[in-house]
Amino acid sequence: MFGISCVRQHTIFQPLGQQCDSLIKNEQGNHMKIEDQHQAAVTGATHILLTHAHFDHIADVVRLSKELNVPLVGQYDLMGWLEESEGLSIVGFNKGGTVTLGDVAVTMVNAVHSSTTRTENGLQAMGSECGFMIEAEGRTIYVSGDTDVMADMELFNDLHEPEIGILACGGHFTMDMRRAAYAANKFFNFTTIIPCHYRTFPILEQSAQVLIDEVPSARVIEPEVMVPFTL
């Protein structure tokens, strides 16, 4: 059995399985809707995977890494900064590289976005945006990170053949639902798609219905906070 729990609606998920218990951290930085379930949301996480440095994605990572005593995993330069500035345990690697986290293999892949964070010296470029291919129990999840559609996705599918796609598709900052549907139909053969980076504030798309309608070959699961589902 392989399942996923949505911890926050922006884009933070915890894959649930005997061999896949990393926290894919891609969060809005706002409080969970159900505050008293915070501990349940993060219990069992062994690693935190970061896609880039924007505030809505790293807002709680220092606290969570220390609270859970787990390492951060992500792009080498961003990890180096977090290690030096916060004293955190990190696993830094780069695009095309694969790291083994227990019985889970994580490969970093390209994304098209940006990666900055605000420091005492102002807004600073911090590493590079990325996505992940997470392989466990003979199955592969593609985590797009914040990105637009890109031709690289065809290569990702050739190399990894992901069954499950967690796609940022709220528009404005990332591809929207229609562009995500285009990517899914043209480049991938997903059996399941989990939309993310939407519904969390008004400027983003509020429904995945376009994605549902335009990718009939895949099951599209609109996640709800703290409601696990089995894949």
C-alpha atoms as a PDB file:
ATOM      1  CA  MET A   1       0.000   0.000   0.000  1.00  0.00           C
ATOM      2  CA  PHE A   2       1.193   3.491  -0.793  1.00  0.00           C
ATOM      3  CA  GLY A   3      -0.580   6.545   0.534  1.00  0.00           C
ATOM      4  CA  ILE A   4      -0.195  10.290   0.917  1.00  0.00           C
ATOM      5  CA  SER A   5      -1.388  12.755   3.513  1.00  0.00           C
ATOM      6  CA  CYS A   6      -1.802  16.438   2.663  1.00  0.00           C
ATOM      7  CA  VAL A   7      -0.349  18.450   5.535  1.00  0.00           C
ATOM      8  CA  ARG A   8      -1.133  21.860   4.066  1.00  0.00           C
ATOM      9  CA  GLN A   9      -3.080  22.793   0.980  1.00  0.00           C
ATOM     10  CA  HIS A  10      -0.378  24.926  -0.641  1.00  0.00           C
ATOM     11  CA  THR A  11       2.010  22.096  -1.348  1.00  0.00           C
ATOM     12  CA  ILE A  12       3.246  20.061   1.544  1.00  0.00           C
ATOM     13  CA  PHE A  13       2.702  16.337   1.493  1.00  0.00           C
ATOM     14  CA  GLN A  14       3.863  13.374   3.490  1.00  0.00           C
ATOM     15  CA  PRO A  15       4.082  10.117   1.538  1.00  0.00           C
ATOM     16  CA  LEU A  16       2.932   7.342   3.821  1.00  0.00           C
ATOM     17  CA  GLY A  17       4.455   3.930   3.399  1.00  0.00           C
ATOM     18  CA  GLN A  18       6.823   1.528   5.056  1.00  0.00           C
ATOM     19  CA  GLN A  19       9.733   2.816   3.005  1.00  0.00           C
ATOM     20  CA  CYS A  20       8.664   6.346   2.097  1.00  0.00           C
ATOM     21  CA  ASP A  21       8.228   8.696   4.998  1.00  0.00           C
ATOM     22  CA  SER A  22       9.890  11.911   3.887  1.00  0.00           C
ATOM     23  CA  LEU A  23       8.076  15.213   4.157  1.00  0.00           C
ATOM     24  CA  ILE A  24       7.939  16.956   0.779  1.00  0.00           C
ATOM     25  CA  LYS A  25       7.989  20.501   2.014  1.00  0.00           C
ATOM     26  CA  ASN A  26       6.641  23.130  -0.269  1.00  0.00           C
ATOM     27  CA  GLU A  27       4.489  25.202   2.006  1.00  0.00           C
ATOM     28  CA  GLN A  28       2.662  28.477   2.161  1.00  0.00           C
ATOM     29  CA  GLY A  29       3.996  29.434   5.577  1.00  0.00           C
ATOM     30  CA  ASN A  30       0.487  30.028   6.900  1.00  0.00           C
ATOM     31  CA  HIS A  31      -0.872  28.127   9.854  1.00  0.00           C
ATOM     32  CA  MET A  32      -2.523  24.780   9.382  1.00  0.00           C
ATOM     33  CA  LYS A  33      -6.294  24.951   9.348  1.00  0.00           C
ATOM     34  CA  ILE A  34      -6.379  22.427  12.180  1.00  0.00           C
ATOM     35  CA  GLU A  35      -3.710  23.643  14.589  1.00  0.00           C
ATOM     36  CA  ASP A  36      -4.157  20.873  17.140  1.00  0.00           C
ATOM     37  CA  GLN A  37      -3.229  18.323  14.465  1.00  0.00           C
ATOM     38  CA  HIS A  38       0.202  19.832  13.840  1.00  0.00           C
ATOM     39  CA  GLN A  39       2.065  17.040  15.602  1.00  0.00           C
ATOM     40  CA  ALA A  40       0.126  14.343  13.795  1.00  0.00           C
ATOM     41  CA  ALA A  41       0.904  16.078  10.515  1.00  0.00           C
ATOM     42  CA  VAL A  42       4.661  15.770  10.889  1.00  0.00           C
ATOM     43  CA  THR A  43       5.031  12.639  13.005  1.00  0.00           C
ATOM     44  CA  GLY A  44       7.123   9.998  11.293  1.00  0.00           C
ATOM     45  CA  ALA A  45       8.920  12.303   8.879  1.00  0.00           C
ATOM     46  CA  THR A  46      12.582  11.349   8.458  1.00  0.00           C
ATOM     47  CA  HIS A  47      13.673  13.981   5.921  1.00  0.00           C
ATOM     48  CA  ILE A  48      12.390  17.312   4.611  1.00  0.00           C
ATOM     49  CA  LEU A  49      12.714  17.824   0.853  1.00  0.00           C
ATOM     50  CA  LEU A  50      12.901  21.459  -0.290  1.00  0.00           C
ATOM     51  CA  THR A  51      12.257  22.549  -3.871  1.00  0.00           C
ATOM     52  CA  HIS A  52      13.517  26.151  -3.574  1.00  0.00           C
ATOM     53  CA  ALA A  53      14.081  29.088  -1.243  1.00  0.00           C
ATOM     54  CA  HIS A  54      10.953  31.257  -1.503  1.00  0.00           C
ATOM     55  CA  PHE A  55       9.434  32.293   1.826  1.00  0.00           C
ATOM     56  CA  ASP A  56       6.244  30.359   1.180  1.00  0.00           C
ATOM     57  CA  HIS A  57       8.311  27.198   0.935  1.00  0.00           C
ATOM     58  CA  ILE A  58      10.913  27.496   3.689  1.00  0.00           C
ATOM     59  CA  ALA A  59       8.988  29.430   6.337  1.00  0.00           C
ATOM     60  CA  ASP A  60       9.008  26.648   8.930  1.00  0.00           C
ATOM     61  CA  VAL A  61      11.913  24.461   7.873  1.00  0.00           C
ATOM     62  CA  VAL A  62      14.358  25.576  10.549  1.00  0.00           C
ATOM     63  CA  ARG A  63      11.840  24.941  13.317  1.00  0.00           C
ATOM     64  CA  LEU A  64      10.669  21.635  11.842  1.00  0.00           C
ATOM     65  CA  SER A  65      14.164  20.330  11.193  1.00  0.00           C
ATOM     66  CA  LYS A  66      15.149  21.033  14.792  1.00  0.00           C
ATOM     67  CA  GLU A  67      11.841  19.904  16.266  1.00  0.00           C
ATOM     68  CA  LEU A  68      11.875  16.585  14.403  1.00  0.00           C
ATOM     69  CA  ASN A  69      15.674  16.195  14.419  1.00  0.00           C
ATOM     70  CA  VAL A  70      15.653  15.403  10.703  1.00  0.00           C
ATOM     71  CA  PRO A  71      17.881  16.646   7.866  1.00  0.00           C
ATOM     72  CA  LEU A  72      16.880  18.965   5.071  1.00  0.00           C
ATOM     73  CA  VAL A  73      17.369  17.614   1.553  1.00  0.00           C
ATOM     74  CA  GLY A  74      17.705  19.826  -1.487  1.00  0.00           C
ATOM     75  CA  GLN A  75      19.813  21.840  -3.898  1.00  0.00           C
ATOM     76  CA  TYR A  76      23.438  22.073  -2.812  1.00  0.00           C
ATOM     77  CA  ASP A  77      23.790  25.861  -2.508  1.00  0.00           C
ATOM     78  CA  LEU A  78      20.537  26.343  -0.610  1.00  0.00           C
ATOM     79  CA  MET A  79      21.418  23.492   1.737  1.00  0.00           C
ATOM     80  CA  GLY A  80      24.863  24.983   2.351  1.00  0.00           C
ATOM     81  CA  TRP A  81      23.330  28.313   3.345  1.00  0.00           C
ATOM     82  CA  LEU A  82      20.876  26.650   5.737  1.00  0.00           C
ATOM     83  CA  GLU A  83      23.662  24.577   7.258  1.00  0.00           C
ATOM     84  CA  GLU A  84      25.932  27.594   7.793  1.00  0.00           C
ATOM     85  CA  SER A  85      23.291  30.080   8.921  1.00  0.00           C
ATOM     86  CA  GLU A  86      21.158  27.778  11.073  1.00  0.00           C
ATOM     87  CA  GLY A  87      23.412  24.836  11.949  1.00  0.00           C
ATOM     88  CA  LEU A  88      21.010  22.336  10.427  1.00  0.00           C
ATOM     89  CA  SER A  89      21.754  18.816   9.268  1.00  0.00           C
ATOM     90  CA  ILE A  90      21.536  18.741   5.476  1.00  0.00           C
ATOM     91  CA  VAL A  91      21.834  16.512   2.421  1.00  0.00           C
ATOM     92  CA  GLY A  92      22.900  18.706  -0.488  1.00  0.00           C
ATOM     93  CA  PHE A  93      22.991  17.515  -4.075  1.00  0.00           C
ATOM     94  CA  ASN A  94      22.167  18.850  -7.512  1.00  0.00           C
ATOM     95  CA  LYS A  95      20.137  18.293 -10.665  1.00  0.00           C
ATOM     96  CA  GLY A  96      20.665  14.857 -12.152  1.00  0.00           C
ATOM     97  CA  GLY A  97      21.983  13.528  -8.858  1.00  0.00           C
ATOM     98  CA  THR A  98      20.339  10.786  -6.826  1.00  0.00           C
ATOM     99  CA  VAL A  99      20.533  10.320  -3.071  1.00  0.00           C
ATOM    100  CA  THR A 100      19.421   7.297  -1.085  1.00  0.00           C
ATOM    101  CA  LEU A 101      17.357   8.055   2.011  1.00  0.00           C
ATOM    102  CA  GLY A 102      16.827   4.717   3.684  1.00  0.00           C
ATOM    103  CA  ASP A 103      15.056   2.613   1.086  1.00  0.00           C
ATOM    104  CA  VAL A 104      13.921   5.643  -0.901  1.00  0.00           C
ATOM    105  CA  ALA A 105      15.810   6.976  -3.933  1.00  0.00           C
ATOM    106  CA  VAL A 106      15.399  10.693  -4.645  1.00  0.00           C
ATOM    107  CA  THR A 107      16.593  12.188  -7.927  1.00  0.00           C
ATOM    108  CA  MET A 108      16.692  15.950  -8.373  1.00  0.00           C
ATOM    109  CA  VAL A 109      15.286  17.231 -11.666  1.00  0.00           C
ATOM    110  CA  ASN A 110      14.980  20.624 -13.298  1.00  0.00           C
ATOM    111  CA  ALA A 111      12.226  23.190 -12.745  1.00  0.00           C
ATOM    112  CA  VAL A 112      11.653  26.614 -14.317  1.00  0.00           C
ATOM    113  CA  HIS A 113      11.028  29.208 -11.616  1.00  0.00           C
ATOM    114  CA  SER A 114      13.302  31.250  -9.313  1.00  0.00           C
ATOM    115  CA  SER A 115      14.828  30.803  -5.872  1.00  0.00           C
ATOM    116  CA  THR A 116      15.410  33.789  -3.610  1.00  0.00           C
ATOM    117  CA  THR A 117      15.123  34.481   0.082  1.00  0.00           C
ATOM    118  CA  ARG A 118      15.287  37.589   2.236  1.00  0.00           C
ATOM    119  CA  THR A 119      18.325  37.923   4.503  1.00  0.00           C
ATOM    120  CA  GLU A 120      19.818  40.732   6.578  1.00  0.00           C
ATOM    121  CA  ASN A 121      21.412  41.898   3.313  1.00  0.00           C
ATOM    122  CA  GLY A 122      18.103  42.045   1.479  1.00  0.00           C
ATOM    123  CA  LEU A 123      16.728  39.724  -1.163  1.00  0.00           C
ATOM    124  CA  GLN A 124      19.351  37.173  -2.189  1.00  0.00           C
ATOM    125  CA  ALA A 125      19.468  34.512  -4.891  1.00  0.00           C
ATOM    126  CA  MET A 126      19.735  31.199  -3.088  1.00  0.00           C
ATOM    127  CA  GLY A 127      20.517  28.077  -5.068  1.00  0.00           C
ATOM    128  CA  SER A 128      18.261  26.951  -7.885  1.00  0.00           C
ATOM    129  CA  GLU A 129      14.671  25.755  -8.155  1.00  0.00           C
ATOM    130  CA  CYS A 130      14.140  22.039  -8.668  1.00  0.00           C
ATOM    131  CA  GLY A 131      11.733  19.127  -8.627  1.00  0.00           C
ATOM    132  CA  PHE A 132      12.125  15.549  -7.421  1.00  0.00           C
ATOM    133  CA  MET A 133      11.566  11.998  -8.581  1.00  0.00           C
ATOM    134  CA  ILE A 134      10.921   9.874  -5.492  1.00  0.00           C
ATOM    135  CA  GLU A 135      11.147   6.116  -5.980  1.00  0.00           C
ATOM    136  CA  ALA A 136      10.017   3.658  -3.317  1.00  0.00           C
ATOM    137  CA  GLU A 137       8.281   0.308  -3.214  1.00  0.00           C
ATOM    138  CA  GLY A 138       8.671  -0.018  -6.984  1.00  0.00           C
ATOM    139  CA  ARG A 139       6.721   3.171  -7.698  1.00  0.00           C
ATOM    140  CA  THR A 140       7.791   6.694  -8.602  1.00  0.00           C
ATOM    141  CA  ILE A 141       6.301  10.067  -7.658  1.00  0.00           C
ATOM    142  CA  TYR A 142       7.175  13.200  -9.635  1.00  0.00           C
ATOM    143  CA  VAL A 143       7.132  16.355  -7.514  1.00  0.00           C
ATOM    144  CA  SER A 144       7.226  19.212 -10.003  1.00  0.00           C
ATOM    145  CA  GLY A 145       8.121  21.962  -7.562  1.00  0.00           C
ATOM    146  CA  ASP A 146       7.125  25.438  -8.699  1.00  0.00           C
ATOM    147  CA  THR A 147       7.495  25.411 -12.474  1.00  0.00           C
ATOM    148  CA  ASP A 148       5.980  26.059 -15.856  1.00  0.00           C
ATOM    149  CA  VAL A 149       5.615  23.403 -18.517  1.00  0.00           C
ATOM    150  CA  MET A 150       8.993  22.545 -20.046  1.00  0.00           C
ATOM    151  CA  ALA A 151      10.296  20.187 -22.711  1.00  0.00           C
ATOM    152  CA  ASP A 152      12.528  18.561 -20.067  1.00  0.00           C
ATOM    153  CA  MET A 153       9.434  16.784 -18.800  1.00  0.00           C
ATOM    154  CA  GLU A 154       9.581  14.400 -21.749  1.00  0.00           C
ATOM    155  CA  LEU A 155      13.064  13.322 -20.650  1.00  0.00           C
ATOM    156  CA  PHE A 156      11.883  12.963 -17.051  1.00  0.00           C
ATOM    157  CA  ASN A 157       9.219  10.521 -18.172  1.00  0.00           C
ATOM    158  CA  ASP A 158      11.649   8.577 -20.374  1.00  0.00           C
ATOM    159  CA  LEU A 159      14.115   8.205 -17.505  1.00  0.00           C
ATOM    160  CA  HIS A 160      11.792   7.690 -14.536  1.00  0.00           C
ATOM    161  CA  GLU A 161       8.306   6.733 -15.788  1.00  0.00           C
ATOM    162  CA  PRO A 162       6.479   8.248 -12.789  1.00  0.00           C
ATOM    163  CA  GLU A 163       3.009   6.912 -12.071  1.00  0.00           C
ATOM    164  CA  ILE A 164       2.058   9.757  -9.763  1.00  0.00           C
ATOM    165  CA  GLY A 165       2.448  13.475 -10.374  1.00  0.00           C
ATOM    166  CA  ILE A 166       2.264  16.169  -7.695  1.00  0.00           C
ATOM    167  CA  LEU A 167       1.937  19.218  -9.932  1.00  0.00           C
ATOM    168  CA  ALA A 168       2.036  22.897  -8.985  1.00  0.00           C
ATOM    169  CA  CYS A 169      -0.818  24.291 -11.070  1.00  0.00           C
ATOM    170  CA  GLY A 170      -2.419  27.337  -9.467  1.00  0.00           C
ATOM    171  CA  GLY A 171      -1.235  29.836 -12.076  1.00  0.00           C
ATOM    172  CA  HIS A 172       0.345  33.302 -11.646  1.00  0.00           C
ATOM    173  CA  PHE A 173       3.540  31.942 -10.048  1.00  0.00           C
ATOM    174  CA  THR A 174       3.488  28.515 -11.708  1.00  0.00           C
ATOM    175  CA  MET A 175       1.717  26.795 -14.581  1.00  0.00           C
ATOM    176  CA  ASP A 176      -2.053  26.895 -14.323  1.00  0.00           C
ATOM    177  CA  MET A 177      -4.485  23.985 -14.553  1.00  0.00           C
ATOM    178  CA  ARG A 178      -4.681  24.057 -18.351  1.00  0.00           C
ATOM    179  CA  ARG A 179      -0.896  24.110 -18.770  1.00  0.00           C
ATOM    180  CA  ALA A 180      -0.535  21.337 -16.193  1.00  0.00           C
ATOM    181  CA  ALA A 181      -3.079  19.297 -18.132  1.00  0.00           C
ATOM    182  CA  TYR A 182      -1.082  19.903 -21.300  1.00  0.00           C
ATOM    183  CA  ALA A 183       2.086  18.682 -19.562  1.00  0.00           C
ATOM    184  CA  ALA A 184       0.359  15.588 -18.204  1.00  0.00           C
ATOM    185  CA  ASN A 185      -1.117  14.653 -21.582  1.00  0.00           C
ATOM    186  CA  LYS A 186       1.935  15.405 -23.709  1.00  0.00           C
ATOM    187  CA  PHE A 187       4.840  14.267 -21.554  1.00  0.00           C
ATOM    188  CA  PHE A 188       3.640  11.788 -18.929  1.00  0.00           C
ATOM    189  CA  ASN A 189       1.534   8.685 -18.422  1.00  0.00           C
ATOM    190  CA  PHE A 190       0.293   9.394 -14.910  1.00  0.00           C
ATOM    191  CA  THR A 191      -2.292   7.146 -13.332  1.00  0.00           C
ATOM    192  CA  THR A 192      -2.770   9.683 -10.527  1.00  0.00           C
ATOM    193  CA  ILE A 193      -2.320  13.461 -10.405  1.00  0.00           C
ATOM    194  CA  ILE A 194      -2.360  15.511  -7.206  1.00  0.00           C
ATOM    195  CA  PRO A 195      -2.679  19.252  -7.874  1.00  0.00           C
ATOM    196  CA  CYS A 196      -0.964  21.653  -5.493  1.00  0.00           C
ATOM    197  CA  HIS A 197       0.041  25.319  -5.125  1.00  0.00           C
ATOM    198  CA  TYR A 198      -3.601  26.371  -5.541  1.00  0.00           C
ATOM    199  CA  ARG A 199      -6.644  27.278  -3.384  1.00  0.00           C
ATOM    200  CA  THR A 200      -4.519  28.912  -0.696  1.00  0.00           C
ATOM    201  CA  PHE A 201      -5.038  32.583  -1.591  1.00  0.00           C
ATOM    202  CA  PRO A 202      -7.275  34.431  -4.061  1.00  0.00           C
ATOM    203  CA  ILE A 203      -4.742  35.095  -6.823  1.00  0.00           C
ATOM    204  CA  LEU A 204      -4.385  31.347  -7.420  1.00  0.00           C
ATOM    205  CA  GLU A 205      -6.866  29.022  -9.090  1.00  0.00           C
ATOM    206  CA  GLN A 206      -9.477  27.709  -6.663  1.00  0.00           C
ATOM    207  CA  SER A 207     -10.513  24.502  -8.404  1.00  0.00           C
ATOM    208  CA  ALA A 208      -8.841  21.643 -10.257  1.00  0.00           C
ATOM    209  CA  GLN A 209     -11.880  20.997 -12.443  1.00  0.00           C
ATOM    210  CA  VAL A 210     -10.056  21.999 -15.638  1.00  0.00           C
ATOM    211  CA  LEU A 211      -7.332  19.475 -14.843  1.00  0.00           C
ATOM    212  CA  ILE A 212      -9.928  16.809 -14.086  1.00  0.00           C
ATOM    213  CA  ASP A 213     -11.775  17.475 -17.334  1.00  0.00           C
ATOM    214  CA  GLU A 214      -8.716  17.657 -19.570  1.00  0.00           C
ATOM    215  CA  VAL A 215      -6.828  14.609 -18.266  1.00  0.00           C
ATOM    216  CA  PRO A 216      -9.479  11.862 -18.240  1.00  0.00           C
ATOM    217  CA  SER A 217      -6.812   9.145 -18.351  1.00  0.00           C
ATOM    218  CA  ALA A 218      -5.642   9.911 -14.795  1.00  0.00           C
ATOM    219  CA  ARG A 219      -7.347  10.036 -11.429  1.00  0.00           C
ATOM    220  CA  VAL A 220      -7.072  13.614 -10.162  1.00  0.00           C
ATOM    221  CA  ILE A 221      -7.183  13.828  -6.379  1.00  0.00           C
ATOM    222  CA  GLU A 222      -7.886  17.243  -4.858  1.00  0.00           C
ATOM    223  CA  PRO A 223      -6.164  16.983  -1.470  1.00  0.00           C
ATOM    224  CA  GLU A 224      -7.743  18.013   1.797  1.00  0.00           C
ATOM    225  CA  VAL A 225      -5.670  18.901   4.843  1.00  0.00           C
ATOM    226  CA  MET A 226      -4.998  15.889   7.072  1.00  0.00           C
ATOM    227  CA  VAL A 227      -7.140  13.532   4.976  1.00  0.00           C
ATOM    228  CA  PRO A 228      -4.937  10.606   3.879  1.00  0.00           C
ATOM    229  CA  PHE A 229      -5.605   8.797   0.630  1.00  0.00           C
ATOM    230  CA  THR A 230      -4.272   5.558  -0.816  1.00  0.00           C
ATOM    231  CA  LEU A 231      -2.692   5.336  -4.248  1.00  0.00           C
END
